[in-house]
C-alpha atoms as a PDB file:
ATOM      1  CA  UNK A   1      -7.798 -11.628  16.008  1.00  0.00           C
ATOM      2  CA  UNK A   2      -5.823 -11.312  13.095  1.00  0.00           C
ATOM      3  CA  UNK A   3      -6.664  -7.139  12.374  1.00  0.00           C
ATOM      4  CA  UNK A   4      -6.213  -5.769   8.602  1.00  0.00           C
ATOM      5  CA  UNK A   5      -8.702  -3.277   8.762  1.00  0.00           C
ATOM      6  CA  UNK A   6      -9.063   0.171  11.233  1.00  0.00           C
ATOM      7  CA  UNK A   7     -10.357   3.390  11.019  1.00  0.00           C
ATOM      8  CA  UNK A   8      -8.359   6.434  12.589  1.00  0.00           C
ATOM      9  CA  UNK A   9      -8.477  10.282  13.094  1.00  0.00           C
ATOM     10  CA  UNK A  10      -5.221  12.135  12.421  1.00  0.00           C
ATOM     11  CA  UNK A  11      -4.912  15.946  13.131  1.00  0.00           C
ATOM     12  CA  UNK A  12      -1.794  17.794  13.058  1.00  0.00           C
ATOM     13  CA  UNK A  13      -1.122  19.833  15.951  1.00  0.00           C
ATOM     14  CA  UNK A  14      -2.430  23.453  16.832  1.00  0.00           C
ATOM     15  CA  UNK A  15      -0.406  26.468  16.414  1.00  0.00           C
ATOM     16  CA  UNK A  16       1.153  28.239  19.061  1.00  0.00           C
ATOM     17  CA  UNK A  17      -0.567  31.597  20.136  1.00  0.00           C
ATOM     18  CA  UNK A  18       1.424  34.943  19.189  1.00  0.00           C
ATOM     19  CA  UNK A  19       2.679  37.585  21.988  1.00  0.00           C
ATOM     20  CA  UNK A  20       1.432  40.769  23.197  1.00  0.00           C
ATOM     21  CA  UNK A  21       4.584  41.955  24.622  1.00  0.00           C
ATOM     22  CA  UNK A  22       6.565  45.118  24.752  1.00  0.00           C
ATOM     23  CA  UNK A  23      10.337  46.191  25.040  1.00  0.00           C
ATOM     24  CA  UNK A  24      11.248  47.274  28.799  1.00  0.00           C
ATOM     25  CA  UNK A  25      13.345  50.363  27.895  1.00  0.00           C
ATOM     26  CA  UNK A  26      11.373  50.929  24.274  1.00  0.00           C
ATOM     27  CA  UNK A  27       7.878  51.765  23.603  1.00  0.00           C
ATOM     28  CA  UNK A  28       7.788  49.301  20.467  1.00  0.00           C
ATOM     29  CA  UNK A  29       6.103  45.977  20.760  1.00  0.00           C
ATOM     30  CA  UNK A  30       7.900  42.474  21.112  1.00  0.00           C
ATOM     31  CA  UNK A  31       5.671  39.788  21.146  1.00  0.00           C
ATOM     32  CA  UNK A  32       6.755  36.860  18.949  1.00  0.00           C
ATOM     33  CA  UNK A  33       4.951  34.563  17.073  1.00  0.00           C
ATOM     34  CA  UNK A  34       3.681  31.267  18.328  1.00  0.00           C
ATOM     35  CA  UNK A  35       5.785  28.025  17.187  1.00  0.00           C
ATOM     36  CA  UNK A  36       3.742  26.107  14.578  1.00  0.00           C
ATOM     37  CA  UNK A  37       2.023  22.723  15.477  1.00  0.00           C
ATOM     38  CA  UNK A  38       3.559  19.461  14.620  1.00  0.00           C
ATOM     39  CA  UNK A  39       3.145  17.468  11.268  1.00  0.00           C
ATOM     40  CA  UNK A  40       1.607  14.154  11.206  1.00  0.00           C
ATOM     41  CA  UNK A  41       3.058  11.453   9.183  1.00  0.00           C
ATOM     42  CA  UNK A  42       2.765   7.351   7.984  1.00  0.00           C
ATOM     43  CA  UNK A  43       6.136   5.727   8.285  1.00  0.00           C
ATOM     44  CA  UNK A  44       6.669   2.259   7.134  1.00  0.00           C
ATOM     45  CA  UNK A  45       7.975  -0.148   9.634  1.00  0.00           C
ATOM     46  CA  UNK A  46       8.861  -3.643   8.931  1.00  0.00           C
ATOM     47  CA  UNK A  47       8.925  -5.173  12.866  1.00  0.00           C
ATOM     48  CA  UNK A  48       4.682  -4.766  12.326  1.00  0.00           C
ATOM     49  CA  UNK A  49       2.555  -7.395  10.745  1.00  0.00           C
ATOM     50  CA  UNK A  50      -0.782  -5.960  11.758  1.00  0.00           C
ATOM     51  CA  UNK A  51      -3.220  -3.353  12.676  1.00  0.00           C
ATOM     52  CA  UNK A  52      -4.015  -4.424  16.163  1.00  0.00           C
ATOM     53  CA  UNK A  53      -2.402  -0.952  17.445  1.00  0.00           C
ATOM     54  CA  UNK A  54      -5.405   1.157  15.742  1.00  0.00           C
ATOM     55  CA  UNK A  55      -8.196  -0.539  17.603  1.00  0.00           C
ATOM     56  CA  UNK A  56      -7.067   0.356  20.994  1.00  0.00           C
ATOM     57  CA  UNK A  57      -6.231   3.828  19.819  1.00  0.00           C
ATOM     58  CA  UNK A  58      -8.055   5.767  16.999  1.00  0.00           C
ATOM     59  CA  UNK A  59      -6.782   9.409  17.494  1.00  0.00           C
ATOM     60  CA  UNK A  60      -3.604  10.402  16.275  1.00  0.00           C
ATOM     61  CA  UNK A  61      -2.816  14.161  17.083  1.00  0.00           C
ATOM     62  CA  UNK A  62       0.622  16.651  16.187  1.00  0.00           C
ATOM     63  CA  UNK A  63       2.172  18.145  19.125  1.00  0.00           C
ATOM     64  CA  UNK A  64       0.797  21.742  19.633  1.00  0.00           C
ATOM     65  CA  UNK A  65       3.197  24.951  18.941  1.00  0.00           C
ATOM     66  CA  UNK A  66       4.188  26.589  21.946  1.00  0.00           C
ATOM     67  CA  UNK A  67       3.557  30.315  22.616  1.00  0.00           C
ATOM     68  CA  UNK A  68       5.129  33.191  21.524  1.00  0.00           C
ATOM     69  CA  UNK A  69       7.760  34.835  23.891  1.00  0.00           C
ATOM     70  CA  UNK A  70       9.293  38.576  24.569  1.00  0.00           C
ATOM     71  CA  UNK A  71      12.084  39.597  22.639  1.00  0.00           C
ATOM     72  CA  UNK A  72      10.026  38.781  19.467  1.00  0.00           C
ATOM     73  CA  UNK A  73      11.276  35.169  20.278  1.00  0.00           C
ATOM     74  CA  UNK A  74       9.089  32.172  18.283  1.00  0.00           C
ATOM     75  CA  UNK A  75       7.263  29.755  20.231  1.00  0.00           C
ATOM     76  CA  UNK A  76       8.499  25.830  20.368  1.00  0.00           C
ATOM     77  CA  UNK A  77       7.716  24.331  17.490  1.00  0.00           C
ATOM     78  CA  UNK A  78       5.359  21.225  17.926  1.00  0.00           C
ATOM     79  CA  UNK A  79       7.252  17.519  17.235  1.00  0.00           C
ATOM     80  CA  UNK A  80       5.741  15.642  14.366  1.00  0.00           C
ATOM     81  CA  UNK A  81       3.904  12.761  15.342  1.00  0.00           C
ATOM     82  CA  UNK A  82       4.940   9.327  13.210  1.00  0.00           C
ATOM     83  CA  UNK A  83       2.479   6.562  12.833  1.00  0.00           C
ATOM     84  CA  UNK A  84       4.573   3.482  12.251  1.00  0.00           C
ATOM     85  CA  UNK A  85       2.414   0.626  10.038  1.00  0.00           C
ATOM     86  CA  UNK A  86       3.172  -2.346   8.382  1.00  0.00           C
ATOM     87  CA  UNK A  87       4.459  -2.010   5.026  1.00  0.00           C
ATOM     88  CA  UNK A  88       1.873  -2.180   2.546  1.00  0.00           C
ATOM     89  CA  UNK A  89      -0.627  -0.314   4.541  1.00  0.00           C
ATOM     90  CA  UNK A  90      -2.874   1.607   2.564  1.00  0.00           C
ATOM     91  CA  UNK A  91      -4.666   4.884   3.813  1.00  0.00           C
ATOM     92  CA  UNK A  92      -8.419   5.806   2.338  1.00  0.00           C
ATOM     93  CA  UNK A  93      -9.381   9.244   3.158  1.00  0.00           C
ATOM     94  CA  UNK A  94     -13.010   9.051   4.193  1.00  0.00           C
ATOM     95  CA  UNK A  95     -13.924  12.032   2.595  1.00  0.00           C
ATOM     96  CA  UNK A  96     -11.866  12.754  -0.312  1.00  0.00           C
ATOM     97  CA  UNK A  97     -11.491   8.308  -1.144  1.00  0.00           C
ATOM     98  CA  UNK A  98      -7.889   9.349  -2.218  1.00  0.00           C
ATOM     99  CA  UNK A  99      -5.598   6.632  -1.260  1.00  0.00           C
ATOM    100  CA  UNK A 100      -1.886   6.469   0.321  1.00  0.00           C
ATOM    101  CA  UNK A 101       0.056   3.423  -0.108  1.00  0.00           C
ATOM    102  CA  UNK A 102       3.095   3.048   2.492  1.00  0.00           C
ATOM    103  CA  UNK A 103       5.577   0.895   0.801  1.00  0.00           C
ATOM    104  CA  UNK A 104       9.396   0.508   0.197  1.00  0.00           C
ATOM    105  CA  UNK A 105       8.615   2.908  -2.315  1.00  0.00           C
ATOM    106  CA  UNK A 106       7.218   5.400  -0.464  1.00  0.00           C
ATOM    107  CA  UNK A 107       7.814   4.667   3.203  1.00  0.00           C
ATOM    108  CA  UNK A 108       7.133   7.950   4.536  1.00  0.00           C
ATOM    109  CA  UNK A 109       4.075  10.333   3.799  1.00  0.00           C
ATOM    110  CA  UNK A 110       2.771  13.470   5.312  1.00  0.00           C
ATOM    111  CA  UNK A 111      -1.031  12.921   6.550  1.00  0.00           C
ATOM    112  CA  UNK A 112      -1.750  16.244   7.888  1.00  0.00           C
ATOM    113  CA  UNK A 113      -0.135  19.595   8.382  1.00  0.00           C
ATOM    114  CA  UNK A 114       0.005  21.226  11.652  1.00  0.00           C
ATOM    115  CA  UNK A 115      -1.355  24.663  12.066  1.00  0.00           C
ATOM    116  CA  UNK A 116       0.116  27.753  11.770  1.00  0.00           C
ATOM    117  CA  UNK A 117       1.753  29.731  14.723  1.00  0.00           C
ATOM    118  CA  UNK A 118      -0.230  33.139  15.642  1.00  0.00           C
ATOM    119  CA  UNK A 119       1.605  36.275  14.861  1.00  0.00           C
ATOM    120  CA  UNK A 120       2.795  38.264  17.784  1.00  0.00           C
ATOM    121  CA  UNK A 121       1.786  41.709  18.494  1.00  0.00           C
ATOM    122  CA  UNK A 122       5.369  43.065  16.874  1.00  0.00           C
ATOM    123  CA  UNK A 123       4.077  41.685  13.223  1.00  0.00           C
ATOM    124  CA  UNK A 124       1.148  44.249  13.241  1.00  0.00           C
ATOM    125  CA  UNK A 125       3.312  47.215  13.884  1.00  0.00           C
ATOM    126  CA  UNK A 126       3.103  50.134  11.136  1.00  0.00           C
ATOM    127  CA  UNK A 127       3.162  54.051  10.542  1.00  0.00           C
ATOM    128  CA  UNK A 128       0.178  54.316  11.720  1.00  0.00           C
ATOM    129  CA  UNK A 129      -0.083  51.582  14.466  1.00  0.00           C
ATOM    130  CA  UNK A 130       2.470  52.036  16.422  1.00  0.00           C
ATOM    131  CA  UNK A 131       2.231  50.156  19.793  1.00  0.00           C
ATOM    132  CA  UNK A 132      -0.118  47.239  18.694  1.00  0.00           C
ATOM    133  CA  UNK A 133      -2.238  45.595  21.460  1.00  0.00           C
ATOM    134  CA  UNK A 134      -3.419  42.366  19.642  1.00  0.00           C
ATOM    135  CA  UNK A 135      -1.660  39.408  18.472  1.00  0.00           C
ATOM    136  CA  UNK A 136      -3.214  36.055  16.954  1.00  0.00           C
ATOM    137  CA  UNK A 137      -4.101  33.072  18.198  1.00  0.00           C
ATOM    138  CA  UNK A 138      -2.805  29.940  16.904  1.00  0.00           C
ATOM    139  CA  UNK A 139      -4.319  28.192  13.859  1.00  0.00           C
ATOM    140  CA  UNK A 140      -6.129  24.788  13.840  1.00  0.00           C
ATOM    141  CA  UNK A 141      -3.837  21.630  12.195  1.00  0.00           C
ATOM    142  CA  UNK A 142      -5.285  19.646   9.424  1.00  0.00           C
ATOM    143  CA  UNK A 143      -7.278  17.175   9.948  1.00  0.00           C
ATOM    144  CA  UNK A 144      -8.594  14.090   8.292  1.00  0.00           C
ATOM    145  CA  UNK A 145     -10.505  10.648   8.826  1.00  0.00           C
ATOM    146  CA  UNK A 146      -8.455   7.233   7.305  1.00  0.00           C
ATOM    147  CA  UNK A 147      -9.811   4.262   6.765  1.00  0.00           C
ATOM    148  CA  UNK A 148      -6.711   1.707   6.975  1.00  0.00           C
ATOM    149  CA  UNK A 149      -6.509  -1.422   4.922  1.00  0.00           C
ATOM    150  CA  UNK A 150      -3.665  -3.727   5.033  1.00  0.00           C
ATOM    151  CA  UNK A 151      -3.067  -4.613   1.244  1.00  0.00           C
ATOM    152  CA  UNK A 152       0.141  -6.593   1.796  1.00  0.00           C
ATOM    153  CA  UNK A 153       0.291  -8.800   4.700  1.00  0.00           C
ATOM    154  CA  UNK A 154       3.161 -11.235   3.691  1.00  0.00           C
ATOM    155  CA  UNK A 155       5.801 -11.750   0.906  1.00  0.00           C
ATOM    156  CA  UNK A 156       4.778 -15.179   0.654  1.00  0.00           C
ATOM    157  CA  UNK A 157       1.228 -17.003   1.361  1.00  0.00           C
ATOM    158  CA  UNK A 158       0.758 -20.543   2.512  1.00  0.00           C
ATOM    159  CA  UNK A 159      -2.528 -21.969   1.322  1.00  0.00           C
ATOM    160  CA  UNK A 160      -4.012 -25.227   0.922  1.00  0.00           C
ATOM    161  CA  UNK A 161      -6.784 -27.449   1.860  1.00  0.00           C
ATOM    162  CA  UNK A 162      -6.817 -28.153   5.614  1.00  0.00           C
ATOM    163  CA  UNK A 163      -3.734 -30.546   6.815  1.00  0.00           C
ATOM    164  CA  UNK A 164      -1.715 -29.871   4.209  1.00  0.00           C
ATOM    165  CA  UNK A 165       1.161 -28.953   6.880  1.00  0.00           C
ATOM    166  CA  UNK A 166       1.096 -24.887   6.399  1.00  0.00           C
ATOM    167  CA  UNK A 167       1.345 -24.325  10.258  1.00  0.00           C
ATOM    168  CA  UNK A 168       3.825 -26.979  10.711  1.00  0.00           C
ATOM    169  CA  UNK A 169       6.042 -25.723   8.104  1.00  0.00           C
ATOM    170  CA  UNK A 170       5.824 -21.839   9.080  1.00  0.00           C
ATOM    171  CA  UNK A 171       6.921 -22.883  12.646  1.00  0.00           C
ATOM    172  CA  UNK A 172       9.877 -24.659  11.386  1.00  0.00           C
ATOM    173  CA  UNK A 173      10.823 -21.698   8.928  1.00  0.00           C
ATOM    174  CA  UNK A 174       9.891 -19.184  11.822  1.00  0.00           C
ATOM    175  CA  UNK A 175       9.575 -18.406  15.395  1.00  0.00           C
ATOM    176  CA  UNK A 176       5.946 -18.378  14.958  1.00  0.00           C
ATOM    177  CA  UNK A 177       4.404 -21.044  17.241  1.00  0.00           C
ATOM    178  CA  UNK A 178       1.452 -21.898  15.950  1.00  0.00           C
ATOM    179  CA  UNK A 179      -0.682 -24.262  17.103  1.00  0.00           C
ATOM    180  CA  UNK A 180      -1.017 -27.255  15.356  1.00  0.00           C
ATOM    181  CA  UNK A 181      -3.715 -30.653  15.297  1.00  0.00           C
ATOM    182  CA  UNK A 182      -4.609 -32.985  12.798  1.00  0.00           C
ATOM    183  CA  UNK A 183      -8.004 -32.144  12.416  1.00  0.00           C
ATOM    184  CA  UNK A 184      -9.439 -29.142  10.054  1.00  0.00           C
ATOM    185  CA  UNK A 185      -9.779 -25.664  10.750  1.00  0.00           C
ATOM    186  CA  UNK A 186      -6.855 -25.445  13.517  1.00  0.00           C
ATOM    187  CA  UNK A 187      -5.753 -22.253  12.020  1.00  0.00           C
ATOM    188  CA  UNK A 188      -8.700 -19.623  12.291  1.00  0.00           C
ATOM    189  CA  UNK A 189      -6.511 -16.723  11.858  1.00  0.00           C
ATOM    190  CA  UNK A 190      -3.570 -15.762   9.701  1.00  0.00           C
ATOM    191  CA  UNK A 191      -0.319 -16.926  11.425  1.00  0.00           C
ATOM    192  CA  UNK A 192       2.559 -14.390  10.255  1.00  0.00           C
ATOM    193  CA  UNK A 193       6.516 -15.559  11.010  1.00  0.00           C
ATOM    194  CA  UNK A 194       9.533 -13.678   9.477  1.00  0.00           C
ATOM    195  CA  UNK A 195      12.491 -16.047   7.935  1.00  0.00           C
ATOM    196  CA  UNK A 196      15.330 -13.527   6.834  1.00  0.00           C
ATOM    197  CA  UNK A 197      13.548 -10.380   6.636  1.00  0.00           C
ATOM    198  CA  UNK A 198      10.720 -12.213   4.531  1.00  0.00           C
ATOM    199  CA  UNK A 199       7.110 -12.132   5.724  1.00  0.00           C
ATOM    200  CA  UNK A 200       5.470 -15.289   5.614  1.00  0.00           C
ATOM    201  CA  UNK A 201       1.542 -16.208   6.084  1.00  0.00           C
ATOM    202  CA  UNK A 202      -0.053 -19.424   7.274  1.00  0.00           C
ATOM    203  CA  UNK A 203      -3.432 -18.544   5.732  1.00  0.00           C
ATOM    204  CA  UNK A 204      -6.648 -20.581   7.137  1.00  0.00           C
ATOM    205  CA  UNK A 205      -7.468 -23.372   5.445  1.00  0.00           C
ATOM    206  CA  UNK A 206     -10.300 -23.515   2.940  1.00  0.00           C
ATOM    207  CA  UNK A 207     -12.707 -25.829   1.312  1.00  0.00           C
ATOM    208  CA  UNK A 208     -14.521 -26.643  -1.720  1.00  0.00           C
ATOM    209  CA  UNK A 209     -17.356 -24.083  -1.633  1.00  0.00           C
ATOM    210  CA  UNK A 210     -15.490 -21.434   0.552  1.00  0.00           C
ATOM    211  CA  UNK A 211     -15.763 -19.112  -2.693  1.00  0.00           C
ATOM    212  CA  UNK A 212     -19.674 -19.020  -1.482  1.00  0.00           C
ATOM    213  CA  UNK A 213     -19.132 -18.940   2.554  1.00  0.00           C
ATOM    214  CA  UNK A 214     -18.729 -22.229   3.556  1.00  0.00           C
ATOM    215  CA  UNK A 215     -16.213 -23.158   5.857  1.00  0.00           C
ATOM    216  CA  UNK A 216     -13.877 -20.016   6.632  1.00  0.00           C
ATOM    217  CA  UNK A 217     -15.329 -18.773   3.704  1.00  0.00           C
ATOM    218  CA  UNK A 218     -14.542 -15.401   2.342  1.00  0.00           C
ATOM    219  CA  UNK A 219     -12.812 -14.458   5.773  1.00  0.00           C
ATOM    220  CA  UNK A 220      -9.948 -16.880   4.267  1.00  0.00           C
ATOM    221  CA  UNK A 221      -9.654 -15.913   0.604  1.00  0.00           C
ATOM    222  CA  UNK A 222      -9.251 -12.329   1.353  1.00  0.00           C
ATOM    223  CA  UNK A 223      -6.523 -12.619   2.460  1.00  0.00           C
ATOM    224  CA  UNK A 224      -4.911 -14.702  -0.492  1.00  0.00           C
ATOM    225  CA  UNK A 225      -5.285 -10.729  -1.677  1.00  0.00           C
ATOM    226  CA  UNK A 226      -2.578  -9.760   0.357  1.00  0.00           C
ATOM    227  CA  UNK A 227       0.432 -11.519  -0.295  1.00  0.00           C
ATOM    228  CA  UNK A 228       3.240 -11.291  -3.202  1.00  0.00           C
ATOM    229  CA  UNK A 229       3.646 -15.261  -4.048  1.00  0.00           C
ATOM    230  CA  UNK A 230       1.383 -18.316  -3.487  1.00  0.00           C
ATOM    231  CA  UNK A 231       2.641 -21.634  -1.926  1.00  0.00           C
ATOM    232  CA  UNK A 232       0.056 -24.432  -2.447  1.00  0.00           C
ATOM    233  CA  UNK A 233       0.697 -26.978  -0.179  1.00  0.00           C
ATOM    234  CA  UNK A 234      -0.511 -30.111  -0.673  1.00  0.00           C
ATOM    235  CA  UNK A 235       0.289 -33.304   1.465  1.00  0.00           C
ATOM    236  CA  UNK A 236       1.601 -36.323   0.066  1.00  0.00           C
ATOM    237  CA  UNK A 237      -0.893 -37.867   2.120  1.00  0.00           C
ATOM    238  CA  UNK A 238      -3.626 -36.538  -0.003  1.00  0.00           C
ATOM    239  CA  UNK A 239      -5.942 -39.651  -2.286  1.00  0.00           C
ATOM    240  CA  UNK A 240      -5.879 -37.330  -5.355  1.00  0.00           C
ATOM    241  CA  UNK A 241      -3.478 -34.800  -5.916  1.00  0.00           C
ATOM    242  CA  UNK A 242      -4.886 -33.665  -9.076  1.00  0.00           C
ATOM    243  CA  UNK A 243      -8.379 -33.023  -7.800  1.00  0.00           C
ATOM    244  CA  UNK A 244      -7.155 -31.718  -4.584  1.00  0.00           C
ATOM    245  CA  UNK A 245      -5.072 -29.056  -6.556  1.00  0.00           C
ATOM    246  CA  UNK A 246      -7.888 -28.359  -8.781  1.00  0.00           C
ATOM    247  CA  UNK A 247     -10.605 -27.791  -6.085  1.00  0.00           C
ATOM    248  CA  UNK A 248      -8.357 -24.896  -4.001  1.00  0.00           C
ATOM    249  CA  UNK A 249      -7.710 -23.250  -7.888  1.00  0.00           C
ATOM    250  CA  UNK A 250     -11.440 -23.374  -8.529  1.00  0.00           C
ATOM    251  CA  UNK A 251     -12.275 -21.519  -5.205  1.00  0.00           C
ATOM    252  CA  UNK A 252      -9.516 -18.737  -6.140  1.00  0.00           C
ATOM    253  CA  UNK A 253     -10.804 -18.505  -9.537  1.00  0.00           C
ATOM    254  CA  UNK A 254     -14.352 -18.071  -8.503  1.00  0.00           C
ATOM    255  CA  UNK A 255     -13.750 -15.905  -5.665  1.00  0.00           C
ATOM    256  CA  UNK A 256     -11.103 -13.633  -7.772  1.00  0.00           C
ATOM    257  CA  UNK A 257      -9.581 -14.988 -11.071  1.00  0.00           C
ATOM    258  CA  UNK A 258      -6.715 -12.562 -10.483  1.00  0.00           C
ATOM    259  CA  UNK A 259      -5.326 -14.310  -7.613  1.00  0.00           C
ATOM    260  CA  UNK A 260      -4.206 -17.004 -10.872  1.00  0.00           C
ATOM    261  CA  UNK A 261      -1.851 -14.510 -12.013  1.00  0.00           C
ATOM    262  CA  UNK A 262       0.126 -14.304  -8.673  1.00  0.00           C
ATOM    263  CA  UNK A 263       3.173 -16.056  -8.855  1.00  0.00           C
ATOM    264  CA  UNK A 264       2.984 -19.673  -7.212  1.00  0.00           C
ATOM    265  CA  UNK A 265       4.535 -22.529  -6.247  1.00  0.00           C
ATOM    266  CA  UNK A 266       3.251 -26.253  -5.386  1.00  0.00           C
ATOM    267  CA  UNK A 267       4.841 -27.851  -2.051  1.00  0.00           C
ATOM    268  CA  UNK A 268       4.748 -31.338  -1.801  1.00  0.00           C
ATOM    269  CA  UNK A 269       4.425 -31.644   1.947  1.00  0.00           C
ATOM    270  CA  UNK A 270       5.205 -34.592   4.242  1.00  0.00           C
ATOM    271  CA  UNK A 271       7.780 -36.395   2.067  1.00  0.00           C
ATOM    272  CA  UNK A 272       9.265 -37.651   4.826  1.00  0.00           C
ATOM    273  CA  UNK A 273       6.090 -40.171   4.703  1.00  0.00           C
ATOM    274  CA  UNK A 274       7.036 -41.656   1.382  1.00  0.00           C
ATOM    275  CA  UNK A 275       9.966 -43.143  -0.388  1.00  0.00           C
ATOM    276  CA  UNK A 276      11.972 -40.900  -3.053  1.00  0.00           C
ATOM    277  CA  UNK A 277      10.453 -43.341  -5.900  1.00  0.00           C
ATOM    278  CA  UNK A 278       6.815 -42.199  -4.958  1.00  0.00           C
ATOM    279  CA  UNK A 279       8.440 -38.429  -4.194  1.00  0.00           C
ATOM    280  CA  UNK A 280       9.586 -38.384  -7.940  1.00  0.00           C
ATOM    281  CA  UNK A 281       6.278 -39.763  -9.111  1.00  0.00           C
ATOM    282  CA  UNK A 282       3.849 -37.143  -7.144  1.00  0.00           C
ATOM    283  CA  UNK A 283       6.235 -34.262  -8.263  1.00  0.00           C
ATOM    284  CA  UNK A 284       5.797 -35.509 -12.002  1.00  0.00           C
ATOM    285  CA  UNK A 285       1.994 -35.496 -11.584  1.00  0.00           C
ATOM    286  CA  UNK A 286       1.876 -32.088  -9.982  1.00  0.00           C
ATOM    287  CA  UNK A 287       4.392 -30.618 -12.674  1.00  0.00           C
ATOM    288  CA  UNK A 288       1.053 -30.603 -15.014  1.00  0.00           C
ATOM    289  CA  UNK A 289      -0.519 -28.128 -13.674  1.00  0.00           C
ATOM    290  CA  UNK A 290       2.662 -25.749 -12.138  1.00  0.00           C
ATOM    291  CA  UNK A 291       6.179 -26.510 -13.505  1.00  0.00           C
ATOM    292  CA  UNK A 292       7.555 -25.256 -10.001  1.00  0.00           C
ATOM    293  CA  UNK A 293       6.907 -28.130  -7.555  1.00  0.00           C
ATOM    294  CA  UNK A 294       9.159 -28.530  -4.641  1.00  0.00           C
ATOM    295  CA  UNK A 295       8.927 -31.454  -2.283  1.00  0.00           C
ATOM    296  CA  UNK A 296       9.038 -30.724   1.526  1.00  0.00           C
ATOM    297  CA  UNK A 297       9.376 -32.131   4.779  1.00  0.00           C
ATOM    298  CA  UNK A 298       9.895 -30.452   8.053  1.00  0.00           C
ATOM    299  CA  UNK A 299      12.123 -33.558   9.031  1.00  0.00           C
ATOM    300  CA  UNK A 300      14.375 -33.337   5.871  1.00  0.00           C
ATOM    301  CA  UNK A 301      16.920 -30.273   6.187  1.00  0.00           C
ATOM    302  CA  UNK A 302      17.850 -30.852   2.627  1.00  0.00           C
ATOM    303  CA  UNK A 303      14.679 -30.077   1.404  1.00  0.00           C
ATOM    304  CA  UNK A 304      14.238 -27.307   3.983  1.00  0.00           C
ATOM    305  CA  UNK A 305      17.595 -25.936   2.779  1.00  0.00           C
ATOM    306  CA  UNK A 306      15.894 -25.686  -0.922  1.00  0.00           C
ATOM    307  CA  UNK A 307      12.882 -23.847   0.409  1.00  0.00           C
ATOM    308  CA  UNK A 308      14.843 -21.409   2.159  1.00  0.00           C
ATOM    309  CA  UNK A 309      17.556 -20.325  -1.141  1.00  0.00           C
ATOM    310  CA  UNK A 310      14.099 -19.628  -2.538  1.00  0.00           C
ATOM    311  CA  UNK A 311      12.538 -17.598  -0.198  1.00  0.00           C
ATOM    312  CA  UNK A 312      15.929 -15.673   0.122  1.00  0.00           C
ATOM    313  CA  UNK A 313      15.881 -14.757  -3.686  1.00  0.00           C
ATOM    314  CA  UNK A 314      12.489 -14.132  -4.313  1.00  0.00           C
END
């Protein structure tokens, strides 16, 4: 199951307790302060592509600070906790509704501060209290509950009607090893692969009426919101290129018209099945809808190289 949403509790480490102690050869107090608890940060990781980690673990707490020592020694500082998340993950505070998105521009963000360490008894010495007998307990760390949403699942999203060749193309470009077969809905969840540090998503196929719940419905469409560039795959096997193109576009428009504002390119797939004259004819027809049309086949290295160059440069 592809996980793109989760809920977690985050808490800074508890501050260490202050110490009650006295110098051996002196009457004065020597208890040190407790160490502060560790902070908790969200950190972007290019090695992660979904939020499955947060299903099995929902609590993230910084390390507690250590207790103060004698001779005015401060307790150990609690280690900070780094929560690694995929680039494009948004943290939404359940209470305040404030949002924090982890991306290339903001790869690290403080989620919760650790609690302050308690003061040792030496901190309470005064002219009227030369031998203080008490110290503070450490303070609680900040606690927050977050909903995590993966706003961006890939740099490029492969979309199209079932059997448009999306999964085969992803397998060829990356090490995704996606299951393929000649029947609808082979792909039931987005499959991700990486080429030259660019993430590609094979988004599940859709059919006419997906925006109203048919086929994989909304489950499919919501993932297209989370890619930067759309590769609209149309097979040369299609009996009506224009109708197939319009079917997909209409579903995107009905679900969310803003999807049409995303940069998109038509990939005319499986070109190994027809001759060059027919390829030219079909490319010309598709350019009526999108000026950028790239013919491609997993069995044609020249066409694959053109696609790879595009991936690298965008």
